[in-house]
Amino acid sequence: MKPQTHCARLHFDRYDLDEADARLTCAGKPVPLAPTPFAVLCTLARAPDTLVTKNAMLEAVWGHRFVADSVLKTAISEVRAALGDNPKQPRYIETVSRRGYRFIAIPPWQCSRHCATAMRRFRTSSARSPPRWKANAPTSSILA
């Protein structure tokens, strides 16, 4: 899937991502992230709960320049380190073996197109616990 081109701006768990202001914060405090890993995070955030292939990611972040997959892996590792994410039990970025990555931190009620899929994933997943999300609605109405 090719990621969308609009600016990413969202809240997930304790984090706020604002692509237009080039800012990632955790509980209101800035989280340092170099420009390339920040671009990788924004690219994933523009396509929540959707597989972004390695090729699509390389094209979106690095353009027409030739770079090896290892550069992407390094950038993903830097994003995970900044978010405190564990690749073996991901809360934010899921690796899809040999294909790409998926941003899984979006609360389902903020992503109506993927709501049913996301809710099924989090209800049936025993391998990881879902991130803590802030909601403007009572939990019972969201999970009903």
C-alpha atoms as a PDB file:
ATOM      1  CA  MET A   1       0.000   0.000   0.000  1.00  0.00           C
ATOM      2  CA  LYS A   2       1.212   3.468  -0.834  1.00  0.00           C
ATOM      3  CA  PRO A   3       0.884   5.825   2.159  1.00  0.00           C
ATOM      4  CA  GLN A   4      -1.244   8.960   1.918  1.00  0.00           C
ATOM      5  CA  THR A   5       0.457  12.317   1.416  1.00  0.00           C
ATOM      6  CA  HIS A   6      -1.404  14.514   3.946  1.00  0.00           C
ATOM      7  CA  CYS A   7       0.340  15.548   7.161  1.00  0.00           C
ATOM      8  CA  ALA A   8       0.043  13.191  10.087  1.00  0.00           C
ATOM      9  CA  ARG A   9      -1.301  14.605  13.325  1.00  0.00           C
ATOM     10  CA  LEU A  10      -2.505  12.222  15.982  1.00  0.00           C
ATOM     11  CA  HIS A  11      -2.505  11.218  19.602  1.00  0.00           C
ATOM     12  CA  PHE A  12      -1.680   7.652  20.645  1.00  0.00           C
ATOM     13  CA  ASP A  13      -0.979   6.316  24.107  1.00  0.00           C
ATOM     14  CA  ARG A  14       1.081   9.092  25.772  1.00  0.00           C
ATOM     15  CA  TYR A  15       2.387  10.430  22.452  1.00  0.00           C
ATOM     16  CA  ASP A  16       1.408  13.307  20.191  1.00  0.00           C
ATOM     17  CA  LEU A  17       2.719  13.336  16.629  1.00  0.00           C
ATOM     18  CA  ASP A  18       2.508  16.541  14.608  1.00  0.00           C
ATOM     19  CA  GLU A  19       4.162  16.239  11.215  1.00  0.00           C
ATOM     20  CA  ALA A  20       3.503  19.852  10.196  1.00  0.00           C
ATOM     21  CA  ASP A  21       5.413  21.113  13.251  1.00  0.00           C
ATOM     22  CA  ALA A  22       7.967  18.270  13.060  1.00  0.00           C
ATOM     23  CA  ARG A  23       7.224  17.380  16.669  1.00  0.00           C
ATOM     24  CA  LEU A  24       6.836  14.180  18.663  1.00  0.00           C
ATOM     25  CA  THR A  25       5.989  14.579  22.336  1.00  0.00           C
ATOM     26  CA  CYS A  26       5.395  12.155  25.172  1.00  0.00           C
ATOM     27  CA  ALA A  27       3.158  13.447  27.964  1.00  0.00           C
ATOM     28  CA  GLY A  28       3.890  16.972  26.683  1.00  0.00           C
ATOM     29  CA  LYS A  29       7.683  16.578  26.677  1.00  0.00           C
ATOM     30  CA  PRO A  30       9.619  16.579  23.372  1.00  0.00           C
ATOM     31  CA  VAL A  31      10.939  13.222  22.184  1.00  0.00           C
ATOM     32  CA  PRO A  32      14.151  13.614  20.174  1.00  0.00           C
ATOM     33  CA  LEU A  33      13.978  11.881  16.812  1.00  0.00           C
ATOM     34  CA  ALA A  34      16.236  12.548  13.821  1.00  0.00           C
ATOM     35  CA  PRO A  35      14.545  13.733  10.596  1.00  0.00           C
ATOM     36  CA  THR A  36      14.684  10.406   8.737  1.00  0.00           C
ATOM     37  CA  PRO A  37      13.201   8.241  11.513  1.00  0.00           C
ATOM     38  CA  PHE A  38      10.612  10.996  12.060  1.00  0.00           C
ATOM     39  CA  ALA A  39       9.677  10.788   8.359  1.00  0.00           C
ATOM     40  CA  VAL A  40       9.389   6.992   8.680  1.00  0.00           C
ATOM     41  CA  LEU A  41       7.042   7.367  11.669  1.00  0.00           C
ATOM     42  CA  CYS A  42       4.913   9.935   9.816  1.00  0.00           C
ATOM     43  CA  THR A  43       4.722   7.716   6.738  1.00  0.00           C
ATOM     44  CA  LEU A  44       3.432   4.833   8.854  1.00  0.00           C
ATOM     45  CA  ALA A  45       1.050   7.086  10.798  1.00  0.00           C
ATOM     46  CA  ARG A  46      -0.550   8.276   7.539  1.00  0.00           C
ATOM     47  CA  ALA A  47      -1.651   4.686   6.862  1.00  0.00           C
ATOM     48  CA  PRO A  48      -2.864   3.382  10.244  1.00  0.00           C
ATOM     49  CA  ASP A  49      -3.469  -0.340  10.628  1.00  0.00           C
ATOM     50  CA  THR A  50      -2.382  -0.849   7.010  1.00  0.00           C
ATOM     51  CA  LEU A  51       0.635  -2.679   5.647  1.00  0.00           C
ATOM     52  CA  VAL A  52       3.164  -0.221   4.202  1.00  0.00           C
ATOM     53  CA  THR A  53       5.548  -2.224   2.070  1.00  0.00           C
ATOM     54  CA  LYS A  54       9.290  -1.739   2.280  1.00  0.00           C
ATOM     55  CA  ASN A  55       9.336  -0.411  -1.281  1.00  0.00           C
ATOM     56  CA  ALA A  56       6.554   2.095  -0.569  1.00  0.00           C
ATOM     57  CA  MET A  57       8.368   3.215   2.580  1.00  0.00           C
ATOM     58  CA  LEU A  58      11.709   3.586   0.787  1.00  0.00           C
ATOM     59  CA  GLU A  59      10.009   5.601  -1.985  1.00  0.00           C
ATOM     60  CA  ALA A  60       8.096   7.830   0.448  1.00  0.00           C
ATOM     61  CA  VAL A  61      11.064   8.632   2.695  1.00  0.00           C
ATOM     62  CA  TRP A  62      14.114   8.386   0.462  1.00  0.00           C
ATOM     63  CA  GLY A  63      12.517   9.140  -2.913  1.00  0.00           C
ATOM     64  CA  HIS A  64      14.380   7.997  -5.988  1.00  0.00           C
ATOM     65  CA  ARG A  65      17.715   7.548  -4.219  1.00  0.00           C
ATOM     66  CA  PHE A  66      19.061   4.030  -3.967  1.00  0.00           C
ATOM     67  CA  VAL A  67      19.252   2.835  -0.370  1.00  0.00           C
ATOM     68  CA  ALA A  68      19.478  -0.659   1.076  1.00  0.00           C
ATOM     69  CA  ASP A  69      16.814  -2.259   3.268  1.00  0.00           C
ATOM     70  CA  SER A  70      19.238  -1.977   6.180  1.00  0.00           C
ATOM     71  CA  VAL A  71      18.769   1.809   6.172  1.00  0.00           C
ATOM     72  CA  LEU A  72      15.038   1.315   6.659  1.00  0.00           C
ATOM     73  CA  LYS A  73      15.616  -1.246   9.415  1.00  0.00           C
ATOM     74  CA  THR A  74      17.891   1.219  11.214  1.00  0.00           C
ATOM     75  CA  ALA A  75      15.299   3.998  10.958  1.00  0.00           C
ATOM     76  CA  ILE A  76      12.550   1.675  12.267  1.00  0.00           C
ATOM     77  CA  SER A  77      14.825   0.695  15.175  1.00  0.00           C
ATOM     78  CA  GLU A  78      15.360   4.375  16.011  1.00  0.00           C
ATOM     79  CA  VAL A  79      11.605   5.021  15.958  1.00  0.00           C
ATOM     80  CA  ARG A  80      10.979   2.014  18.199  1.00  0.00           C
ATOM     81  CA  ALA A  81      13.689   3.171  20.607  1.00  0.00           C
ATOM     82  CA  ALA A  82      12.154   6.660  20.794  1.00  0.00           C
ATOM     83  CA  LEU A  83       8.695   5.179  21.462  1.00  0.00           C
ATOM     84  CA  GLY A  84       9.945   2.454  23.804  1.00  0.00           C
ATOM     85  CA  ASP A  85       8.414  -0.154  21.501  1.00  0.00           C
ATOM     86  CA  ASN A  86       9.470  -3.805  21.524  1.00  0.00           C
ATOM     87  CA  PRO A  87       9.525  -5.503  18.090  1.00  0.00           C
ATOM     88  CA  LYS A  88       8.755  -8.876  19.684  1.00  0.00           C
ATOM     89  CA  GLN A  89       5.650  -7.522  21.439  1.00  0.00           C
ATOM     90  CA  PRO A  90       4.825  -4.389  19.437  1.00  0.00           C
ATOM     91  CA  ARG A  91       2.464  -1.718  20.693  1.00  0.00           C
ATOM     92  CA  TYR A  92       3.077   0.843  17.955  1.00  0.00           C
ATOM     93  CA  ILE A  93       4.913  -0.610  14.941  1.00  0.00           C
ATOM     94  CA  GLU A  94       4.339  -4.152  13.766  1.00  0.00           C
ATOM     95  CA  THR A  95       6.774  -5.899  11.428  1.00  0.00           C
ATOM     96  CA  VAL A  96       5.199  -7.889   8.610  1.00  0.00           C
ATOM     97  CA  SER A  97       7.938 -10.357   7.796  1.00  0.00           C
ATOM     98  CA  ARG A  98       9.685  -9.768   4.462  1.00  0.00           C
ATOM     99  CA  ARG A  99       6.959  -7.314   3.391  1.00  0.00           C
ATOM    100  CA  GLY A 100       6.966  -4.129   5.469  1.00  0.00           C
ATOM    101  CA  TYR A 101       5.520  -2.476   8.551  1.00  0.00           C
ATOM    102  CA  ARG A 102       2.160  -1.530  10.032  1.00  0.00           C
ATOM    103  CA  PHE A 103       1.336   1.310  12.450  1.00  0.00           C
ATOM    104  CA  ILE A 104      -0.924  -0.330  15.034  1.00  0.00           C
ATOM    105  CA  ALA A 105      -1.209   2.401  17.671  1.00  0.00           C
ATOM    106  CA  ILE A 106      -4.257   4.178  16.273  1.00  0.00           C
ATOM    107  CA  PRO A 107      -7.338   3.875  18.471  1.00  0.00           C
ATOM    108  CA  PRO A 108     -10.064   2.197  16.399  1.00  0.00           C
ATOM    109  CA  TRP A 109     -12.566   5.033  16.975  1.00  0.00           C
ATOM    110  CA  GLN A 110     -10.178   7.474  15.266  1.00  0.00           C
ATOM    111  CA  CYS A 111      -9.906   5.287  12.197  1.00  0.00           C
ATOM    112  CA  SER A 112     -13.435   4.403  11.116  1.00  0.00           C
ATOM    113  CA  ARG A 113     -12.389   2.606   7.927  1.00  0.00           C
ATOM    114  CA  HIS A 114     -10.372   0.092   9.913  1.00  0.00           C
ATOM    115  CA  CYS A 115     -12.491   0.046  13.073  1.00  0.00           C
ATOM    116  CA  ALA A 116     -13.867  -3.486  12.865  1.00  0.00           C
ATOM    117  CA  THR A 117     -10.527  -4.995  11.871  1.00  0.00           C
ATOM    118  CA  ALA A 118      -8.643  -3.161  14.606  1.00  0.00           C
ATOM    119  CA  MET A 119     -11.130  -4.082  17.305  1.00  0.00           C
ATOM    120  CA  ARG A 120     -10.993  -7.760  16.283  1.00  0.00           C
ATOM    121  CA  ARG A 121      -7.194  -7.671  16.348  1.00  0.00           C
ATOM    122  CA  PHE A 122      -7.015  -6.218  19.857  1.00  0.00           C
ATOM    123  CA  ARG A 123      -9.774  -8.432  21.267  1.00  0.00           C
ATOM    124  CA  THR A 124      -8.208 -11.639  19.968  1.00  0.00           C
ATOM    125  CA  SER A 125      -4.546 -10.801  20.463  1.00  0.00           C
ATOM    126  CA  SER A 126      -2.986 -12.498  23.442  1.00  0.00           C
ATOM    127  CA  ALA A 127       0.581 -11.881  22.287  1.00  0.00           C
ATOM    128  CA  ARG A 128       0.532  -8.211  23.222  1.00  0.00           C
ATOM    129  CA  SER A 129      -1.465  -5.838  25.325  1.00  0.00           C
ATOM    130  CA  PRO A 130      -2.989  -2.865  23.485  1.00  0.00           C
ATOM    131  CA  PRO A 131      -1.694   0.644  24.091  1.00  0.00           C
ATOM    132  CA  ARG A 132      -3.530   2.882  26.553  1.00  0.00           C
ATOM    133  CA  TRP A 133      -5.590   5.376  24.556  1.00  0.00           C
ATOM    134  CA  LYS A 134      -7.343   8.577  25.474  1.00  0.00           C
ATOM    135  CA  ALA A 135     -10.926   8.758  24.402  1.00  0.00           C
ATOM    136  CA  ASN A 136     -13.519  11.486  24.383  1.00  0.00           C
ATOM    137  CA  ALA A 137     -16.257   8.899  24.906  1.00  0.00           C
ATOM    138  CA  PRO A 138     -16.898   6.410  27.709  1.00  0.00           C
ATOM    139  CA  THR A 139     -15.112   3.111  27.213  1.00  0.00           C
ATOM    140  CA  SER A 140     -18.359   1.139  27.293  1.00  0.00           C
ATOM    141  CA  SER A 141     -19.680   2.977  24.219  1.00  0.00           C
ATOM    142  CA  ILE A 142     -16.429   2.480  22.321  1.00  0.00           C
ATOM    143  CA  LEU A 143     -16.095  -1.247  22.950  1.00  0.00           C
ATOM    144  CA  ALA A 144     -19.806  -2.080  22.682  1.00  0.00           C
END
